[in-house]
Amino acid sequence: MDLYIYYRVSVANAGALRQQIAALQTALSAEWQVATDIKRRPELQDQLQTWMEIYRSVPDGFLPALQAAVAHAGFSSLIDGDRHVETFVDLDACA
């Protein structure tokens, strides 16, 4: 199962948030042995960027651990709105 988490961030907060996300993903990757990535849409809308955190092949129990780590990191003040979590599985797993 892969997790795709998207949210919006203001241009003014992008630098600070990028550092916090990098630290979060490094720690989670080491602890849970998951591949991580961070992306953003190339365009701006109202001085906001849309970001996407990606966590690949996550094991059972990872999502609650991620949510706890995000709450502990306290960067919710740097994003605009909520974090939206989408879950995807490989097509073979759906058959």
PDB file of N, CA and C in Angstrom:
ATOM      1  N   MET A   1       0.850  -1.174   0.000  1.00  0.00           N
ATOM      2  CA  MET A   1       0.000   0.000   0.000  1.00  0.00           C
ATOM      3  C   MET A   1       0.894   1.234   0.000  1.00  0.00           C
ATOM      4  N   ASP A   2       0.508   2.211  -0.785  1.00  0.00           N
ATOM      5  CA  ASP A   2       1.226   3.482  -0.861  1.00  0.00           C
ATOM      6  C   ASP A   2       0.318   4.594  -0.358  1.00  0.00           C
ATOM      7  N   LEU A   3       0.907   5.572   0.298  1.00  0.00           N
ATOM      8  CA  LEU A   3       0.163   6.727   0.799  1.00  0.00           C
ATOM      9  C   LEU A   3       0.567   7.968   0.015  1.00  0.00           C
ATOM     10  N   TYR A   4      -0.431   8.746  -0.363  1.00  0.00           N
ATOM     11  CA  TYR A   4      -0.231  10.027  -1.031  1.00  0.00           C
ATOM     12  C   TYR A   4      -0.973  11.061  -0.203  1.00  0.00           C
ATOM     13  N   ILE A   5      -0.229  12.032   0.304  1.00  0.00           N
ATOM     14  CA  ILE A   5      -0.806  13.021   1.213  1.00  0.00           C
ATOM     15  C   ILE A   5      -0.570  14.399   0.616  1.00  0.00           C
ATOM     16  N   TYR A   6      -1.664  15.101   0.360  1.00  0.00           N
ATOM     17  CA  TYR A   6      -1.526  16.410  -0.269  1.00  0.00           C
ATOM     18  C   TYR A   6      -2.147  17.495   0.603  1.00  0.00           C
ATOM     19  N   TYR A   7      -1.610  18.695   0.414  1.00  0.00           N
ATOM     20  CA  TYR A   7      -2.052  19.861   1.174  1.00  0.00           C
ATOM     21  C   TYR A   7      -1.479  21.093   0.504  1.00  0.00           C
ATOM     22  N   ARG A   8      -1.887  22.248   0.990  1.00  0.00           N
ATOM     23  CA  ARG A   8      -1.422  23.507   0.415  1.00  0.00           C
ATOM     24  C   ARG A   8      -0.538  24.235   1.412  1.00  0.00           C
ATOM     25  N   VAL A   9       0.436  24.937   0.884  1.00  0.00           N
ATOM     26  CA  VAL A   9       1.371  25.703   1.711  1.00  0.00           C
ATOM     27  C   VAL A   9       1.654  27.036   1.029  1.00  0.00           C
ATOM     28  N   SER A  10       1.720  28.082   1.828  1.00  0.00           N
ATOM     29  CA  SER A  10       2.015  29.399   1.258  1.00  0.00           C
ATOM     30  C   SER A  10       3.486  29.474   0.856  1.00  0.00           C
ATOM     31  N   VAL A  11       3.747  30.292  -0.121  1.00  0.00           N
ATOM     32  CA  VAL A  11       5.118  30.502  -0.576  1.00  0.00           C
ATOM     33  C   VAL A  11       5.989  30.964   0.597  1.00  0.00           C
ATOM     34  N   ALA A  12       5.432  31.781   1.476  1.00  0.00           N
ATOM     35  CA  ALA A  12       6.188  32.310   2.616  1.00  0.00           C
ATOM     36  C   ALA A  12       6.625  31.210   3.586  1.00  0.00           C
ATOM     37  N   ASN A  13       5.853  30.133   3.699  1.00  0.00           N
ATOM     38  CA  ASN A  13       6.170  29.049   4.635  1.00  0.00           C
ATOM     39  C   ASN A  13       6.890  27.870   3.991  1.00  0.00           C
ATOM     40  N   ALA A  14       7.059  27.909   2.671  1.00  0.00           N
ATOM     41  CA  ALA A  14       7.587  26.752   1.945  1.00  0.00           C
ATOM     42  C   ALA A  14       8.981  26.325   2.418  1.00  0.00           C
ATOM     43  N   GLY A  15       9.873  27.255   2.621  1.00  0.00           N
ATOM     44  CA  GLY A  15      11.244  26.905   3.031  1.00  0.00           C
ATOM     45  C   GLY A  15      11.290  26.222   4.389  1.00  0.00           C
ATOM     46  N   ALA A  16      10.595  26.782   5.353  1.00  0.00           N
ATOM     47  CA  ALA A  16      10.575  26.200   6.701  1.00  0.00           C
ATOM     48  C   ALA A  16       9.907  24.833   6.703  1.00  0.00           C
ATOM     49  N   LEU A  17       8.806  24.714   5.974  1.00  0.00           N
ATOM     50  CA  LEU A  17       8.098  23.440   5.934  1.00  0.00           C
ATOM     51  C   LEU A  17       8.932  22.379   5.234  1.00  0.00           C
ATOM     52  N   ARG A  18       9.626  22.751   4.171  1.00  0.00           N
ATOM     53  CA  ARG A  18      10.451  21.782   3.433  1.00  0.00           C
ATOM     54  C   ARG A  18      11.478  21.139   4.348  1.00  0.00           C
ATOM     55  N   GLN A  19      12.106  21.919   5.208  1.00  0.00           N
ATOM     56  CA  GLN A  19      13.097  21.383   6.144  1.00  0.00           C
ATOM     57  C   GLN A  19      12.452  20.419   7.128  1.00  0.00           C
ATOM     58  N   GLN A  20      11.281  20.768   7.616  1.00  0.00           N
ATOM     59  CA  GLN A  20      10.591  19.903   8.585  1.00  0.00           C
ATOM     60  C   GLN A  20      10.119  18.606   7.940  1.00  0.00           C
ATOM     61  N   ILE A  21       9.615  18.686   6.722  1.00  0.00           N
ATOM     62  CA  ILE A  21       9.166  17.478   6.022  1.00  0.00           C
ATOM     63  C   ILE A  21      10.361  16.570   5.730  1.00  0.00           C
ATOM     64  N   ALA A  22      11.471  17.156   5.330  1.00  0.00           N
ATOM     65  CA  ALA A  22      12.666  16.350   5.049  1.00  0.00           C
ATOM     66  C   ALA A  22      13.113  15.592   6.301  1.00  0.00           C
ATOM     67  N   ALA A  23      13.119  16.264   7.438  1.00  0.00           N
ATOM     68  CA  ALA A  23      13.507  15.604   8.688  1.00  0.00           C
ATOM     69  C   ALA A  23      12.520  14.511   9.071  1.00  0.00           C
ATOM     70  N   LEU A  24      11.235  14.794   8.919  1.00  0.00           N
ATOM     71  CA  LEU A  24      10.195  13.812   9.225  1.00  0.00           C
ATOM     72  C   LEU A  24      10.343  12.579   8.346  1.00  0.00           C
ATOM     73  N   GLN A  25      10.495  12.781   7.047  1.00  0.00           N
ATOM     74  CA  GLN A  25      10.596  11.646   6.137  1.00  0.00           C
ATOM     75  C   GLN A  25      11.878  10.848   6.355  1.00  0.00           C
ATOM     76  N   THR A  26      12.964  11.509   6.676  1.00  0.00           N
ATOM     77  CA  THR A  26      14.214  10.803   6.966  1.00  0.00           C
ATOM     78  C   THR A  26      14.050   9.895   8.175  1.00  0.00           C
ATOM     79  N   ALA A  27      13.437  10.413   9.231  1.00  0.00           N
ATOM     80  CA  ALA A  27      13.235   9.627  10.445  1.00  0.00           C
ATOM     81  C   ALA A  27      12.288   8.459  10.206  1.00  0.00           C
ATOM     82  N   LEU A  28      11.177   8.710   9.515  1.00  0.00           N
ATOM     83  CA  LEU A  28      10.211   7.640   9.253  1.00  0.00           C
ATOM     84  C   LEU A  28      10.783   6.584   8.316  1.00  0.00           C
ATOM     85  N   SER A  29      11.545   7.006   7.339  1.00  0.00           N
ATOM     86  CA  SER A  29      12.159   6.071   6.410  1.00  0.00           C
ATOM     87  C   SER A  29      13.130   5.138   7.137  1.00  0.00           C
ATOM     88  N   ALA A  30      13.905   5.691   8.047  1.00  0.00           N
ATOM     89  CA  ALA A  30      14.855   4.873   8.807  1.00  0.00           C
ATOM     90  C   ALA A  30      14.143   3.908   9.744  1.00  0.00           C
ATOM     91  N   GLU A  31      13.104   4.374  10.403  1.00  0.00           N
ATOM     92  CA  GLU A  31      12.396   3.544  11.376  1.00  0.00           C
ATOM     93  C   GLU A  31      11.523   2.476  10.716  1.00  0.00           C
ATOM     94  N   TRP A  32      10.868   2.809   9.620  1.00  0.00           N
ATOM     95  CA  TRP A  32       9.876   1.921   9.010  1.00  0.00           C
ATOM     96  C   TRP A  32      10.338   1.298   7.695  1.00  0.00           C
ATOM     97  N   GLN A  33      11.519   1.667   7.210  1.00  0.00           N
ATOM     98  CA  GLN A  33      12.045   1.158   5.948  1.00  0.00           C
ATOM     99  C   GLN A  33      11.064   1.370   4.789  1.00  0.00           C
ATOM    100  N   VAL A  34      10.577   2.591   4.671  1.00  0.00           N
ATOM    101  CA  VAL A  34       9.687   2.963   3.568  1.00  0.00           C
ATOM    102  C   VAL A  34      10.393   3.980   2.678  1.00  0.00           C
ATOM    103  N   ALA A  35      10.080   3.926   1.402  1.00  0.00           N
ATOM    104  CA  ALA A  35      10.595   4.922   0.464  1.00  0.00           C
ATOM    105  C   ALA A  35       9.690   6.144   0.534  1.00  0.00           C
ATOM    106  N   THR A  36      10.294   7.314   0.559  1.00  0.00           N
ATOM    107  CA  THR A  36       9.531   8.559   0.672  1.00  0.00           C
ATOM    108  C   THR A  36       9.890   9.495  -0.472  1.00  0.00           C
ATOM    109  N   ASP A  37       9.006  10.447  -0.688  1.00  0.00           N
ATOM    110  CA  ASP A  37       9.260  11.489  -1.677  1.00  0.00           C
ATOM    111  C   ASP A  37       8.389  12.682  -1.322  1.00  0.00           C
ATOM    112  N   ILE A  38       8.758  13.839  -1.815  1.00  0.00           N
ATOM    113  CA  ILE A  38       7.945  15.045  -1.663  1.00  0.00           C
ATOM    114  C   ILE A  38       7.938  15.744  -3.017  1.00  0.00           C
ATOM    115  N   LYS A  39       6.758  16.158  -3.430  1.00  0.00           N
ATOM    116  CA  LYS A  39       6.602  16.835  -4.719  1.00  0.00           C
ATOM    117  C   LYS A  39       5.665  18.026  -4.544  1.00  0.00           C
ATOM    118  N   ARG A  40       5.651  18.874  -5.552  1.00  0.00           N
ATOM    119  CA  ARG A  40       4.677  19.963  -5.562  1.00  0.00           C
ATOM    120  C   ARG A  40       4.251  20.237  -6.987  1.00  0.00           C
ATOM    121  N   ARG A  41       3.059  20.780  -7.091  1.00  0.00           N
ATOM    122  CA  ARG A  41       2.596  21.203  -8.412  1.00  0.00           C
ATOM    123  C   ARG A  41       3.433  22.397  -8.858  1.00  0.00           C
ATOM    124  N   PRO A  42       3.683  22.522 -10.153  1.00  0.00           N
ATOM    125  CA  PRO A  42       4.532  23.625 -10.614  1.00  0.00           C
ATOM    126  C   PRO A  42       3.867  24.993 -10.540  1.00  0.00           C
ATOM    127  N   GLU A  43       2.543  25.032 -10.575  1.00  0.00           N
ATOM    128  CA  GLU A  43       1.858  26.331 -10.588  1.00  0.00           C
ATOM    129  C   GLU A  43       1.450  26.757  -9.174  1.00  0.00           C
ATOM    130  N   LEU A  44       1.278  28.064  -9.039  1.00  0.00           N
ATOM    131  CA  LEU A  44       0.774  28.655  -7.795  1.00  0.00           C
ATOM    132  C   LEU A  44      -0.689  29.031  -7.987  1.00  0.00           C
ATOM    133  N   GLN A  45      -1.415  29.011  -6.883  1.00  0.00           N
ATOM    134  CA  GLN A  45      -2.786  29.523  -6.896  1.00  0.00           C
ATOM    135  C   GLN A  45      -2.955  30.353  -5.637  1.00  0.00           C
ATOM    136  N   ASP A  46      -3.159  31.649  -5.796  1.00  0.00           N
ATOM    137  CA  ASP A  46      -3.299  32.567  -4.660  1.00  0.00           C
ATOM    138  C   ASP A  46      -2.100  32.505  -3.727  1.00  0.00           C
ATOM    139  N   GLN A  47      -0.909  32.440  -4.309  1.00  0.00           N
ATOM    140  CA  GLN A  47       0.352  32.367  -3.558  1.00  0.00           C
ATOM    141  C   GLN A  47       0.457  31.094  -2.703  1.00  0.00           C
ATOM    142  N   LEU A  48      -0.261  30.050  -3.104  1.00  0.00           N
ATOM    143  CA  LEU A  48      -0.202  28.757  -2.417  1.00  0.00           C
ATOM    144  C   LEU A  48       0.314  27.694  -3.376  1.00  0.00           C
ATOM    145  N   GLN A  49       1.149  26.825  -2.855  1.00  0.00           N
ATOM    146  CA  GLN A  49       1.625  25.657  -3.588  1.00  0.00           C
ATOM    147  C   GLN A  49       0.865  24.435  -3.084  1.00  0.00           C
ATOM    148  N   THR A  50       0.649  23.458  -3.954  1.00  0.00           N
ATOM    149  CA  THR A  50       0.089  22.176  -3.535  1.00  0.00           C
ATOM    150  C   THR A  50       1.238  21.184  -3.453  1.00  0.00           C
ATOM    151  N   TRP A  51       1.391  20.590  -2.272  1.00  0.00           N
ATOM    152  CA  TRP A  51       2.469  19.631  -2.031  1.00  0.00           C
ATOM    153  C   TRP A  51       1.904  18.234  -1.900  1.00  0.00           C
ATOM    154  N   MET A  52       2.753  17.246  -2.194  1.00  0.00           N
ATOM    155  CA  MET A  52       2.379  15.845  -2.085  1.00  0.00           C
ATOM    156  C   MET A  52       3.518  15.089  -1.408  1.00  0.00           C
ATOM    157  N   GLU A  53       3.217  14.494  -0.257  1.00  0.00           N
ATOM    158  CA  GLU A  53       4.148  13.564   0.385  1.00  0.00           C
ATOM    159  C   GLU A  53       3.783  12.166  -0.099  1.00  0.00           C
ATOM    160  N   ILE A  54       4.794  11.364  -0.390  1.00  0.00           N
ATOM    161  CA  ILE A  54       4.572  10.008  -0.862  1.00  0.00           C
ATOM    162  C   ILE A  54       5.322   9.038   0.046  1.00  0.00           C
ATOM    163  N   TYR A  55       4.632   7.974   0.437  1.00  0.00           N
ATOM    164  CA  TYR A  55       5.211   6.908   1.256  1.00  0.00           C
ATOM    165  C   TYR A  55       4.854   5.594   0.563  1.00  0.00           C
ATOM    166  N   ARG A  56       5.884   4.860   0.099  1.00  0.00           N
ATOM    167  CA  ARG A  56       5.650   3.654  -0.695  1.00  0.00           C
ATOM    168  C   ARG A  56       5.813   2.383   0.129  1.00  0.00           C
ATOM    169  N   SER A  57       4.961   1.421  -0.179  1.00  0.00           N
ATOM    170  CA  SER A  57       5.019   0.084   0.442  1.00  0.00           C
ATOM    171  C   SER A  57       5.045   0.165   1.955  1.00  0.00           C
ATOM    172  N   VAL A  58       4.075   0.864   2.508  1.00  0.00           N
ATOM    173  CA  VAL A  58       4.038   1.054   3.959  1.00  0.00           C
ATOM    174  C   VAL A  58       3.497  -0.201   4.647  1.00  0.00           C
ATOM    175  N   PRO A  59       4.077  -0.562   5.785  1.00  0.00           N
ATOM    176  CA  PRO A  59       3.591  -1.718   6.532  1.00  0.00           C
ATOM    177  C   PRO A  59       2.387  -1.357   7.399  1.00  0.00           C
ATOM    178  N   ASP A  60       1.731  -2.374   7.922  1.00  0.00           N
ATOM    179  CA  ASP A  60       0.627  -2.151   8.859  1.00  0.00           C
ATOM    180  C   ASP A  60       1.126  -1.314  10.024  1.00  0.00           C
ATOM    181  N   GLY A  61       0.317  -0.399  10.474  1.00  0.00           N
ATOM    182  CA  GLY A  61       0.662   0.452  11.601  1.00  0.00           C
ATOM    183  C   GLY A  61       1.394   1.724  11.235  1.00  0.00           C
ATOM    184  N   PHE A  62       1.762   1.870   9.960  1.00  0.00           N
ATOM    185  CA  PHE A  62       2.524   3.051   9.568  1.00  0.00           C
ATOM    186  C   PHE A  62       1.698   4.329   9.621  1.00  0.00           C
ATOM    187  N   LEU A  63       0.467   4.297   9.122  1.00  0.00           N
ATOM    188  CA  LEU A  63      -0.337   5.521   9.060  1.00  0.00           C
ATOM    189  C   LEU A  63      -0.542   6.146  10.436  1.00  0.00           C
ATOM    190  N   PRO A  64      -0.914   5.383  11.479  1.00  0.00           N
ATOM    191  CA  PRO A  64      -1.018   6.012  12.802  1.00  0.00           C
ATOM    192  C   PRO A  64       0.315   6.582  13.293  1.00  0.00           C
ATOM    193  N   ALA A  65       1.404   5.895  12.969  1.00  0.00           N
ATOM    194  CA  ALA A  65       2.727   6.407  13.360  1.00  0.00           C
ATOM    195  C   ALA A  65       3.046   7.702  12.630  1.00  0.00           C
ATOM    196  N   LEU A  66       2.699   7.769  11.354  1.00  0.00           N
ATOM    197  CA  LEU A  66       2.897   8.993  10.576  1.00  0.00           C
ATOM    198  C   LEU A  66       2.074  10.131  11.153  1.00  0.00           C
ATOM    199  N   GLN A  67       0.818   9.865  11.452  1.00  0.00           N
ATOM    200  CA  GLN A  67      -0.052  10.903  11.997  1.00  0.00           C
ATOM    201  C   GLN A  67       0.464  11.405  13.346  1.00  0.00           C
ATOM    202  N   ALA A  68       0.976  10.508  14.179  1.00  0.00           N
ATOM    203  CA  ALA A  68       1.548  10.917  15.462  1.00  0.00           C
ATOM    204  C   ALA A  68       2.808  11.752  15.258  1.00  0.00           C
ATOM    205  N   ALA A  69       3.643  11.360  14.304  1.00  0.00           N
ATOM    206  CA  ALA A  69       4.869  12.116  14.026  1.00  0.00           C
ATOM    207  C   ALA A  69       4.553  13.512  13.500  1.00  0.00           C
ATOM    208  N   VAL A  70       3.533  13.613  12.672  1.00  0.00           N
ATOM    209  CA  VAL A  70       3.113  14.919  12.132  1.00  0.00           C
ATOM    210  C   VAL A  70       2.595  15.801  13.266  1.00  0.00           C
ATOM    211  N   ALA A  71       1.776  15.227  14.143  1.00  0.00           N
ATOM    212  CA  ALA A  71       1.253  15.995  15.279  1.00  0.00           C
ATOM    213  C   ALA A  71       2.392  16.454  16.183  1.00  0.00           C
ATOM    214  N   HIS A  72       3.353  15.582  16.415  1.00  0.00           N
ATOM    215  CA  HIS A  72       4.493  15.918  17.277  1.00  0.00           C
ATOM    216  C   HIS A  72       5.371  17.002  16.630  1.00  0.00           C
ATOM    217  N   ALA A  73       5.539  16.936  15.307  1.00  0.00           N
ATOM    218  CA  ALA A  73       6.366  17.923  14.607  1.00  0.00           C
ATOM    219  C   ALA A  73       5.754  19.312  14.666  1.00  0.00           C
ATOM    220  N   GLY A  74       4.432  19.373  14.740  1.00  0.00           N
ATOM    221  CA  GLY A  74       3.756  20.651  14.917  1.00  0.00           C
ATOM    222  C   GLY A  74       3.812  21.591  13.738  1.00  0.00           C
ATOM    223  N   PHE A  75       3.921  21.065  12.535  1.00  0.00           N
ATOM    224  CA  PHE A  75       3.974  21.988  11.400  1.00  0.00           C
ATOM    225  C   PHE A  75       2.617  22.295  10.797  1.00  0.00           C
ATOM    226  N   SER A  76       1.550  21.944  11.478  1.00  0.00           N
ATOM    227  CA  SER A  76       0.224  22.257  10.955  1.00  0.00           C
ATOM    228  C   SER A  76       0.012  23.762  10.786  1.00  0.00           C
ATOM    229  N   SER A  77       0.732  24.562  11.566  1.00  0.00           N
ATOM    230  CA  SER A  77       0.599  26.013  11.430  1.00  0.00           C
ATOM    231  C   SER A  77       1.237  26.526  10.132  1.00  0.00           C
ATOM    232  N   LEU A  78       2.043  25.688   9.481  1.00  0.00           N
ATOM    233  CA  LEU A  78       2.707  26.105   8.253  1.00  0.00           C
ATOM    234  C   LEU A  78       1.918  25.729   6.999  1.00  0.00           C
ATOM    235  N   ILE A  79       0.844  24.940   7.151  1.00  0.00           N
ATOM    236  CA  ILE A  79       0.066  24.562   5.983  1.00  0.00           C
ATOM    237  C   ILE A  79      -1.270  25.294   5.991  1.00  0.00           C
ATOM    238  N   ASP A  80      -1.874  25.366   4.834  1.00  0.00           N
ATOM    239  CA  ASP A  80      -3.152  26.057   4.669  1.00  0.00           C
ATOM    240  C   ASP A  80      -4.237  24.996   4.514  1.00  0.00           C
ATOM    241  N   GLY A  81      -5.008  24.766   5.555  1.00  0.00           N
ATOM    242  CA  GLY A  81      -6.056  23.751   5.491  1.00  0.00           C
ATOM    243  C   GLY A  81      -5.597  22.424   6.043  1.00  0.00           C
ATOM    244  N   ASP A  82      -6.250  21.367   5.579  1.00  0.00           N
ATOM    245  CA  ASP A  82      -5.999  20.026   6.091  1.00  0.00           C
ATOM    246  C   ASP A  82      -5.032  19.255   5.197  1.00  0.00           C
ATOM    247  N   ARG A  83      -4.466  18.199   5.779  1.00  0.00           N
ATOM    248  CA  ARG A  83      -3.700  17.200   5.029  1.00  0.00           C
ATOM    249  C   ARG A  83      -4.701  16.136   4.574  1.00  0.00           C
ATOM    250  N   HIS A  84      -4.673  15.808   3.306  1.00  0.00           N
ATOM    251  CA  HIS A  84      -5.601  14.827   2.739  1.00  0.00           C
ATOM    252  C   HIS A  84      -4.829  13.554   2.407  1.00  0.00           C
ATOM    253  N   VAL A  85      -5.256  12.434   2.966  1.00  0.00           N
ATOM    254  CA  VAL A  85      -4.563  11.161   2.787  1.00  0.00           C
ATOM    255  C   VAL A  85      -5.315  10.305   1.779  1.00  0.00           C
ATOM    256  N   GLU A  86      -4.600   9.839   0.780  1.00  0.00           N
ATOM    257  CA  GLU A  86      -5.133   8.910  -0.216  1.00  0.00           C
ATOM    258  C   GLU A  86      -4.302   7.635  -0.138  1.00  0.00           C
ATOM    259  N   THR A  87      -4.959   6.490  -0.250  1.00  0.00           N
ATOM    260  CA  THR A  87      -4.293   5.197  -0.180  1.00  0.00           C
ATOM    261  C   THR A  87      -4.468   4.479  -1.511  1.00  0.00           C
ATOM    262  N   PHE A  88      -3.367   3.934  -2.034  1.00  0.00           N
ATOM    263  CA  PHE A  88      -3.413   3.171  -3.277  1.00  0.00           C
ATOM    264  C   PHE A  88      -2.687   1.855  -3.091  1.00  0.00           C
ATOM    265  N   VAL A  89      -3.167   0.829  -3.776  1.00  0.00           N
ATOM    266  CA  VAL A  89      -2.510  -0.484  -3.781  1.00  0.00           C
ATOM    267  C   VAL A  89      -2.179  -0.834  -5.219  1.00  0.00           C
ATOM    268  N   ASP A  90      -1.242  -1.754  -5.407  1.00  0.00           N
ATOM    269  CA  ASP A  90      -0.911  -2.226  -6.737  1.00  0.00           C
ATOM    270  C   ASP A  90      -2.109  -2.914  -7.354  1.00  0.00           C
ATOM    271  N   LEU A  91      -2.221  -2.878  -8.642  1.00  0.00           N
ATOM    272  CA  LEU A  91      -3.350  -3.502  -9.321  1.00  0.00           C
ATOM    273  C   LEU A  91      -3.446  -4.998  -9.002  1.00  0.00           C
ATOM    274  N   ASP A  92      -2.316  -5.667  -8.895  1.00  0.00           N
ATOM    275  CA  ASP A  92      -2.319  -7.092  -8.568  1.00  0.00           C
ATOM    276  C   ASP A  92      -2.963  -7.359  -7.213  1.00  0.00           C
ATOM    277  N   ALA A  93      -2.812  -6.432  -6.275  1.00  0.00           N
ATOM    278  CA  ALA A  93      -3.394  -6.602  -4.929  1.00  0.00           C
ATOM    279  C   ALA A  93      -4.911  -6.446  -4.952  1.00  0.00           C
ATOM    280  N   CYS A  94      -5.444  -5.824  -5.996  1.00  0.00           N
ATOM    281  CA  CYS A  94      -6.893  -5.603  -6.090  1.00  0.00           C
ATOM    282  C   CYS A  94      -7.620  -6.777  -6.739  1.00  0.00           C
ATOM    283  N   ALA A  95      -6.875  -7.635  -7.404  1.00  0.00           N
ATOM    284  CA  ALA A  95      -7.505  -8.739  -8.163  1.00  0.00           C
ATOM    285  C   ALA A  95      -8.059  -9.816  -7.260  1.00  0.00           C
TER     286      ALA A  95
END
